[in-house]
Amino acid sequence: MQRLILPFIMTVALLAGAAAWAADDTAEIALKDHQFVPQVLTIPAGKQVKLTVKNEDATPAEFESHDFRVEKVVPGNGQIVVYIGPLQAGTYGFFDDFHEDTTKGKLVVK
């Protein structure tokens, strides 16, 4: 009987994790003319968010944030996916490391 309980518990936990993963929020942001569109992105607090970053420029960019620890190159006319959070409520900065002086955005977590 005890041998059956552990596999059952693991299966239930796995299914619950899959359901939670499917319920995650998604968001999109674009890079156009070396600017983030939108410049301010709002996501829910306490949840992991799948963020798609689309680069509409021909040159590569590097989506980066020291605040929520992400750094990933976005090819020209390409896209990437990053997972953010869960984060506490607040405002977090992000930028294009290749054009840091001009390409900045804010992540508002509510």
C-alpha atoms as a PDB file:
ATOM      1  CA  MET A   1       0.000   0.000   0.000  1.00  0.00           C
ATOM      2  CA  GLN A   2       2.761   2.470   0.933  1.00  0.00           C
ATOM      3  CA  ARG A   3       4.547   1.729  -2.347  1.00  0.00           C
ATOM      4  CA  LEU A   4       1.507   3.008  -4.235  1.00  0.00           C
ATOM      5  CA  ILE A   5       1.109   6.231  -2.254  1.00  0.00           C
ATOM      6  CA  LEU A   6       4.380   7.901  -3.294  1.00  0.00           C
ATOM      7  CA  PRO A   7       3.848   7.433  -7.069  1.00  0.00           C
ATOM      8  CA  PHE A   8       0.272   8.673  -6.650  1.00  0.00           C
ATOM      9  CA  ILE A   9       1.423  11.794  -4.773  1.00  0.00           C
ATOM     10  CA  MET A  10       4.121  12.461  -7.387  1.00  0.00           C
ATOM     11  CA  THR A  11       1.576  12.118 -10.212  1.00  0.00           C
ATOM     12  CA  VAL A  12      -0.857  14.512  -8.516  1.00  0.00           C
ATOM     13  CA  ALA A  13       1.964  17.030  -7.916  1.00  0.00           C
ATOM     14  CA  LEU A  14       3.087  16.756 -11.543  1.00  0.00           C
ATOM     15  CA  LEU A  15      -0.439  17.337 -12.830  1.00  0.00           C
ATOM     16  CA  ALA A  16      -0.925  20.294 -10.484  1.00  0.00           C
ATOM     17  CA  GLY A  17       2.361  21.769 -11.707  1.00  0.00           C
ATOM     18  CA  ALA A  18       1.295  21.328 -15.329  1.00  0.00           C
ATOM     19  CA  ALA A  19      -2.004  23.065 -14.605  1.00  0.00           C
ATOM     20  CA  ALA A  20      -0.206  25.938 -12.898  1.00  0.00           C
ATOM     21  CA  TRP A  21       2.228  26.210 -15.824  1.00  0.00           C
ATOM     22  CA  ALA A  22      -0.619  26.393 -18.314  1.00  0.00           C
ATOM     23  CA  ALA A  23      -2.266  29.146 -16.265  1.00  0.00           C
ATOM     24  CA  ASP A  24       0.778  31.431 -16.458  1.00  0.00           C
ATOM     25  CA  ASP A  25       0.246  34.849 -17.966  1.00  0.00           C
ATOM     26  CA  THR A  26       1.809  35.979 -21.218  1.00  0.00           C
ATOM     27  CA  ALA A  27       2.939  39.391 -22.434  1.00  0.00           C
ATOM     28  CA  GLU A  28       4.553  40.844 -25.552  1.00  0.00           C
ATOM     29  CA  ILE A  29       6.850  43.747 -26.202  1.00  0.00           C
ATOM     30  CA  ALA A  30       8.441  44.926 -29.439  1.00  0.00           C
ATOM     31  CA  LEU A  31      11.579  46.776 -30.421  1.00  0.00           C
ATOM     32  CA  LYS A  32      10.934  49.248 -33.225  1.00  0.00           C
ATOM     33  CA  ASP A  33      13.355  52.005 -34.277  1.00  0.00           C
ATOM     34  CA  HIS A  34      15.414  51.077 -31.195  1.00  0.00           C
ATOM     35  CA  GLN A  35      12.509  51.804 -28.841  1.00  0.00           C
ATOM     36  CA  PHE A  36      10.413  49.437 -26.749  1.00  0.00           C
ATOM     37  CA  VAL A  37       6.740  49.376 -27.682  1.00  0.00           C
ATOM     38  CA  PRO A  38       5.161  49.754 -25.199  1.00  0.00           C
ATOM     39  CA  GLN A  39       7.796  51.450 -23.045  1.00  0.00           C
ATOM     40  CA  VAL A  40       5.874  50.537 -19.894  1.00  0.00           C
ATOM     41  CA  LEU A  41       4.663  46.968 -19.531  1.00  0.00           C
ATOM     42  CA  THR A  42       2.384  45.871 -16.664  1.00  0.00           C
ATOM     43  CA  ILE A  43       2.291  42.288 -15.357  1.00  0.00           C
ATOM     44  CA  PRO A  44       0.658  40.675 -12.306  1.00  0.00           C
ATOM     45  CA  ALA A  45       2.557  40.290  -9.042  1.00  0.00           C
ATOM     46  CA  GLY A  46       3.261  36.816  -7.729  1.00  0.00           C
ATOM     47  CA  LYS A  47       2.984  35.059 -11.091  1.00  0.00           C
ATOM     48  CA  GLN A  48       5.482  33.836 -13.638  1.00  0.00           C
ATOM     49  CA  VAL A  49       4.985  35.573 -16.980  1.00  0.00           C
ATOM     50  CA  LYS A  50       6.062  34.346 -20.395  1.00  0.00           C
ATOM     51  CA  LEU A  51       7.358  37.445 -22.193  1.00  0.00           C
ATOM     52  CA  THR A  52       7.842  37.438 -25.953  1.00  0.00           C
ATOM     53  CA  VAL A  53      10.242  40.117 -27.174  1.00  0.00           C
ATOM     54  CA  LYS A  54       9.907  40.827 -30.911  1.00  0.00           C
ATOM     55  CA  ASN A  55      12.662  42.770 -32.634  1.00  0.00           C
ATOM     56  CA  GLU A  56      11.219  44.598 -35.647  1.00  0.00           C
ATOM     57  CA  ASP A  57      14.588  46.235 -36.391  1.00  0.00           C
ATOM     58  CA  ALA A  58      17.111  44.703 -38.784  1.00  0.00           C
ATOM     59  CA  THR A  59      19.910  44.922 -36.196  1.00  0.00           C
ATOM     60  CA  PRO A  60      20.217  42.676 -33.135  1.00  0.00           C
ATOM     61  CA  ALA A  61      19.336  43.877 -29.648  1.00  0.00           C
ATOM     62  CA  GLU A  62      20.024  42.540 -26.173  1.00  0.00           C
ATOM     63  CA  PHE A  63      17.024  42.501 -23.846  1.00  0.00           C
ATOM     64  CA  GLU A  64      18.486  42.945 -20.370  1.00  0.00           C
ATOM     65  CA  SER A  65      17.462  43.762 -16.813  1.00  0.00           C
ATOM     66  CA  HIS A  66      19.558  43.844 -13.694  1.00  0.00           C
ATOM     67  CA  ASP A  67      16.360  44.191 -11.642  1.00  0.00           C
ATOM     68  CA  PHE A  68      14.769  40.889 -12.688  1.00  0.00           C
ATOM     69  CA  ARG A  69      17.933  39.196 -13.931  1.00  0.00           C
ATOM     70  CA  VAL A  70      17.506  38.516 -17.590  1.00  0.00           C
ATOM     71  CA  GLU A  71      19.919  38.944 -20.497  1.00  0.00           C
ATOM     72  CA  LYS A  72      19.202  37.582 -23.941  1.00  0.00           C
ATOM     73  CA  VAL A  73      20.122  38.611 -27.494  1.00  0.00           C
ATOM     74  CA  VAL A  74      17.183  39.234 -29.830  1.00  0.00           C
ATOM     75  CA  PRO A  75      18.200  38.730 -33.481  1.00  0.00           C
ATOM     76  CA  GLY A  76      17.283  41.381 -36.026  1.00  0.00           C
ATOM     77  CA  ASN A  77      13.748  40.712 -37.292  1.00  0.00           C
ATOM     78  CA  GLY A  78      13.520  37.875 -34.766  1.00  0.00           C
ATOM     79  CA  GLN A  79      12.053  37.156 -31.380  1.00  0.00           C
ATOM     80  CA  ILE A  80      12.851  35.516 -28.063  1.00  0.00           C
ATOM     81  CA  VAL A  81      10.899  34.253 -25.087  1.00  0.00           C
ATOM     82  CA  VAL A  82      11.934  34.903 -21.492  1.00  0.00           C
ATOM     83  CA  TYR A  83      10.194  33.915 -18.282  1.00  0.00           C
ATOM     84  CA  ILE A  84       9.908  36.624 -15.649  1.00  0.00           C
ATOM     85  CA  GLY A  85       9.005  36.220 -12.011  1.00  0.00           C
ATOM     86  CA  PRO A  86       7.185  35.669  -9.955  1.00  0.00           C
ATOM     87  CA  LEU A  87       7.984  39.216  -8.807  1.00  0.00           C
ATOM     88  CA  GLN A  88       6.737  41.377  -5.962  1.00  0.00           C
ATOM     89  CA  ALA A  89       4.786  44.541  -6.728  1.00  0.00           C
ATOM     90  CA  GLY A  90       7.039  47.380  -7.848  1.00  0.00           C
ATOM     91  CA  THR A  91       8.743  48.942 -10.835  1.00  0.00           C
ATOM     92  CA  TYR A  92      11.646  47.239 -12.575  1.00  0.00           C
ATOM     93  CA  GLY A  93      13.840  48.589 -15.366  1.00  0.00           C
ATOM     94  CA  PHE A  94      14.957  46.894 -18.571  1.00  0.00           C
ATOM     95  CA  PHE A  95      16.987  48.035 -21.574  1.00  0.00           C
ATOM     96  CA  ASP A  96      18.651  47.083 -24.836  1.00  0.00           C
ATOM     97  CA  ASP A  97      22.268  46.618 -23.813  1.00  0.00           C
ATOM     98  CA  PHE A  98      23.408  47.368 -27.385  1.00  0.00           C
ATOM     99  CA  HIS A  99      21.636  50.775 -27.283  1.00  0.00           C
ATOM    100  CA  GLU A 100      21.449  51.395 -23.534  1.00  0.00           C
ATOM    101  CA  ASP A 101      21.464  55.203 -23.780  1.00  0.00           C
ATOM    102  CA  THR A 102      18.292  55.368 -25.870  1.00  0.00           C
ATOM    103  CA  THR A 103      16.401  52.098 -25.464  1.00  0.00           C
ATOM    104  CA  LYS A 104      14.904  51.724 -21.991  1.00  0.00           C
ATOM    105  CA  GLY A 105      11.632  50.494 -20.577  1.00  0.00           C
ATOM    106  CA  LYS A 106       9.841  49.834 -17.301  1.00  0.00           C
ATOM    107  CA  LEU A 107       8.111  46.747 -15.989  1.00  0.00           C
ATOM    108  CA  VAL A 108       5.308  47.602 -13.559  1.00  0.00           C
ATOM    109  CA  VAL A 109       4.274  44.689 -11.365  1.00  0.00           C
ATOM    110  CA  LYS A 110       0.873  45.013  -9.663  1.00  0.00           C
END
